[in-house]
Amino acid sequence: MATFRYEGVNLAGEKLRGEMQAADNNAVADHLHRLGYMTVTTRQKTATWFGLSRDHAVFGSARPSTGDIAFFTRELATMLQAGLSLEPGGRRRLSHVGDGW
């Protein structure tokens, strides 16, 4: 048996996340269904290296997920709206332009 990470949602919109031992993704989905949840995602947990999951890019070998890209984009937008410059020292150089910054 392998360890699977799962996410489910019920009709009330309540989310359920966790891990469980199962033979395959279908067994995880069946378990969630018996609990009254629809399966959103199931993914087999990968082996770890020094406590880091292989799901995380240690040496740039793993591709970012759609969720990772969405999270990064939201965080970048927040930082830019707060006035963070992508160019080191850019804020200093633009300080003489006016009070708009």
C-alpha atoms as a PDB file:
ATOM      1  CA  MET A   1       0.000   0.000   0.000  1.00  0.00           C
ATOM      2  CA  ALA A   2       1.031   3.580  -0.648  1.00  0.00           C
ATOM      3  CA  THR A   3       0.296   6.847   1.122  1.00  0.00           C
ATOM      4  CA  PHE A   4      -2.024   9.216  -0.725  1.00  0.00           C
ATOM      5  CA  ARG A   5      -2.789  12.873  -0.126  1.00  0.00           C
ATOM      6  CA  TYR A   6      -6.389  13.781  -0.783  1.00  0.00           C
ATOM      7  CA  GLU A   7      -8.788  16.685  -0.836  1.00  0.00           C
ATOM      8  CA  GLY A   8     -12.550  16.409  -0.880  1.00  0.00           C
ATOM      9  CA  VAL A   9     -15.604  18.604  -0.517  1.00  0.00           C
ATOM     10  CA  ASN A  10     -19.136  17.820   0.631  1.00  0.00           C
ATOM     11  CA  LEU A  11     -22.447  19.316  -0.494  1.00  0.00           C
ATOM     12  CA  ALA A  12     -22.249  21.966   2.248  1.00  0.00           C
ATOM     13  CA  GLY A  13     -18.933  23.148   0.802  1.00  0.00           C
ATOM     14  CA  GLU A  14     -16.849  21.858   3.706  1.00  0.00           C
ATOM     15  CA  LYS A  15     -13.363  20.812   2.645  1.00  0.00           C
ATOM     16  CA  LEU A  16     -11.500  17.769   3.882  1.00  0.00           C
ATOM     17  CA  ARG A  17      -7.760  17.276   3.409  1.00  0.00           C
ATOM     18  CA  GLY A  18      -5.491  14.555   4.650  1.00  0.00           C
ATOM     19  CA  GLU A  19      -3.408  11.490   3.995  1.00  0.00           C
ATOM     20  CA  MET A  20      -4.277   7.808   4.052  1.00  0.00           C
ATOM     21  CA  GLN A  21      -2.854   4.414   3.190  1.00  0.00           C
ATOM     22  CA  ALA A  22      -4.590   2.888   0.176  1.00  0.00           C
ATOM     23  CA  ALA A  23      -3.996   0.529  -2.727  1.00  0.00           C
ATOM     24  CA  ASP A  24      -4.682   3.215  -5.369  1.00  0.00           C
ATOM     25  CA  ASN A  25      -6.482   6.487  -6.160  1.00  0.00           C
ATOM     26  CA  ASN A  26      -9.798   4.673  -6.587  1.00  0.00           C
ATOM     27  CA  ALA A  27      -9.639   3.326  -3.037  1.00  0.00           C
ATOM     28  CA  VAL A  28      -9.102   6.878  -1.747  1.00  0.00           C
ATOM     29  CA  ALA A  29     -12.053   8.160  -3.789  1.00  0.00           C
ATOM     30  CA  ASP A  30     -14.252   5.308  -2.473  1.00  0.00           C
ATOM     31  CA  HIS A  31     -13.281   6.162   1.108  1.00  0.00           C
ATOM     32  CA  LEU A  32     -14.134   9.850   0.618  1.00  0.00           C
ATOM     33  CA  HIS A  33     -17.446   8.908  -1.011  1.00  0.00           C
ATOM     34  CA  ARG A  34     -18.380   6.743   2.004  1.00  0.00           C
ATOM     35  CA  LEU A  35     -17.678   9.769   4.222  1.00  0.00           C
ATOM     36  CA  GLY A  36     -19.990  11.924   2.085  1.00  0.00           C
ATOM     37  CA  TYR A  37     -17.279  13.837   0.211  1.00  0.00           C
ATOM     38  CA  MET A  38     -16.640  14.259  -3.493  1.00  0.00           C
ATOM     39  CA  THR A  39     -13.009  13.817  -4.473  1.00  0.00           C
ATOM     40  CA  VAL A  40     -11.251  16.997  -5.599  1.00  0.00           C
ATOM     41  CA  THR A  41      -7.696  15.636  -5.812  1.00  0.00           C
ATOM     42  CA  THR A  42      -5.774  12.529  -4.886  1.00  0.00           C
ATOM     43  CA  ARG A  43      -2.046  12.142  -5.322  1.00  0.00           C
ATOM     44  CA  GLN A  44       0.376   9.512  -4.190  1.00  0.00           C
ATOM     45  CA  LYS A  45       2.813  10.885  -1.651  1.00  0.00           C
ATOM     46  CA  THR A  46       6.373  10.549  -2.857  1.00  0.00           C
ATOM     47  CA  ALA A  47       9.452   9.544  -0.914  1.00  0.00           C
ATOM     48  CA  THR A  48      11.229  12.158   1.157  1.00  0.00           C
ATOM     49  CA  TRP A  49      14.831  13.267   1.175  1.00  0.00           C
ATOM     50  CA  PHE A  50      15.999  14.849   4.433  1.00  0.00           C
ATOM     51  CA  GLY A  51      12.394  15.585   5.336  1.00  0.00           C
ATOM     52  CA  LEU A  52      11.622  17.319   2.035  1.00  0.00           C
ATOM     53  CA  SER A  53       9.006  15.765  -0.198  1.00  0.00           C
ATOM     54  CA  ARG A  54      10.013  15.100  -3.777  1.00  0.00           C
ATOM     55  CA  ASP A  55       6.920  17.125  -4.651  1.00  0.00           C
ATOM     56  CA  HIS A  56       9.023  20.202  -3.840  1.00  0.00           C
ATOM     57  CA  ALA A  57      11.795  21.187  -6.204  1.00  0.00           C
ATOM     58  CA  VAL A  58      15.041  20.693  -4.325  1.00  0.00           C
ATOM     59  CA  PHE A  59      17.323  21.044  -7.308  1.00  0.00           C
ATOM     60  CA  GLY A  60      14.849  22.465  -9.808  1.00  0.00           C
ATOM     61  CA  SER A  61      13.834  19.028 -11.075  1.00  0.00           C
ATOM     62  CA  ALA A  62      10.098  19.243 -10.317  1.00  0.00           C
ATOM     63  CA  ARG A  63       7.730  21.434 -12.299  1.00  0.00           C
ATOM     64  CA  PRO A  64       5.532  23.856 -10.351  1.00  0.00           C
ATOM     65  CA  SER A  65       1.879  22.947 -10.160  1.00  0.00           C
ATOM     66  CA  THR A  66      -0.920  25.217 -11.360  1.00  0.00           C
ATOM     67  CA  GLY A  67      -1.651  26.009  -7.716  1.00  0.00           C
ATOM     68  CA  ASP A  68       1.988  26.960  -7.101  1.00  0.00           C
ATOM     69  CA  ILE A  69       1.910  29.327 -10.085  1.00  0.00           C
ATOM     70  CA  ALA A  70      -1.374  30.882  -8.936  1.00  0.00           C
ATOM     71  CA  PHE A  71       0.002  31.360  -5.405  1.00  0.00           C
ATOM     72  CA  PHE A  72       3.220  32.946  -6.713  1.00  0.00           C
ATOM     73  CA  THR A  73       1.271  35.268  -9.022  1.00  0.00           C
ATOM     74  CA  ARG A  74      -1.018  36.446  -6.191  1.00  0.00           C
ATOM     75  CA  GLU A  75       1.951  37.044  -3.890  1.00  0.00           C
ATOM     76  CA  LEU A  76       3.878  38.921  -6.591  1.00  0.00           C
ATOM     77  CA  ALA A  77       0.835  41.090  -7.369  1.00  0.00           C
ATOM     78  CA  THR A  78       0.437  41.924  -3.670  1.00  0.00           C
ATOM     79  CA  MET A  79       4.097  42.910  -3.360  1.00  0.00           C
ATOM     80  CA  LEU A  80       3.974  45.059  -6.501  1.00  0.00           C
ATOM     81  CA  GLN A  81       0.780  46.795  -5.329  1.00  0.00           C
ATOM     82  CA  ALA A  82       2.561  47.523  -2.036  1.00  0.00           C
ATOM     83  CA  GLY A  83       5.291  49.305  -3.964  1.00  0.00           C
ATOM     84  CA  LEU A  84       8.020  46.682  -4.123  1.00  0.00           C
ATOM     85  CA  SER A  85      10.316  47.137  -7.086  1.00  0.00           C
ATOM     86  CA  LEU A  86      11.544  44.152  -9.058  1.00  0.00           C
ATOM     87  CA  GLU A  87      14.775  45.973  -9.774  1.00  0.00           C
ATOM     88  CA  PRO A  88      17.176  46.439  -6.849  1.00  0.00           C
ATOM     89  CA  GLY A  89      17.435  50.122  -6.008  1.00  0.00           C
ATOM     90  CA  GLY A  90      14.565  51.017  -8.356  1.00  0.00           C
ATOM     91  CA  ARG A  91      12.599  52.644  -5.569  1.00  0.00           C
ATOM     92  CA  ARG A  92      15.534  54.880  -4.712  1.00  0.00           C
ATOM     93  CA  ARG A  93      16.006  56.010  -8.300  1.00  0.00           C
ATOM     94  CA  LEU A  94      12.316  56.812  -8.725  1.00  0.00           C
ATOM     95  CA  SER A  95      11.985  58.696  -5.433  1.00  0.00           C
ATOM     96  CA  HIS A  96      12.763  61.986  -7.152  1.00  0.00           C
ATOM     97  CA  VAL A  97       9.870  61.584  -9.641  1.00  0.00           C
ATOM     98  CA  GLY A  98       7.155  62.696  -7.273  1.00  0.00           C
ATOM     99  CA  ASP A  99       4.853  61.769  -4.460  1.00  0.00           C
ATOM    100  CA  GLY A 100       2.973  59.259  -6.618  1.00  0.00           C
ATOM    101  CA  TRP A 101       5.274  56.495  -5.409  1.00  0.00           C
END
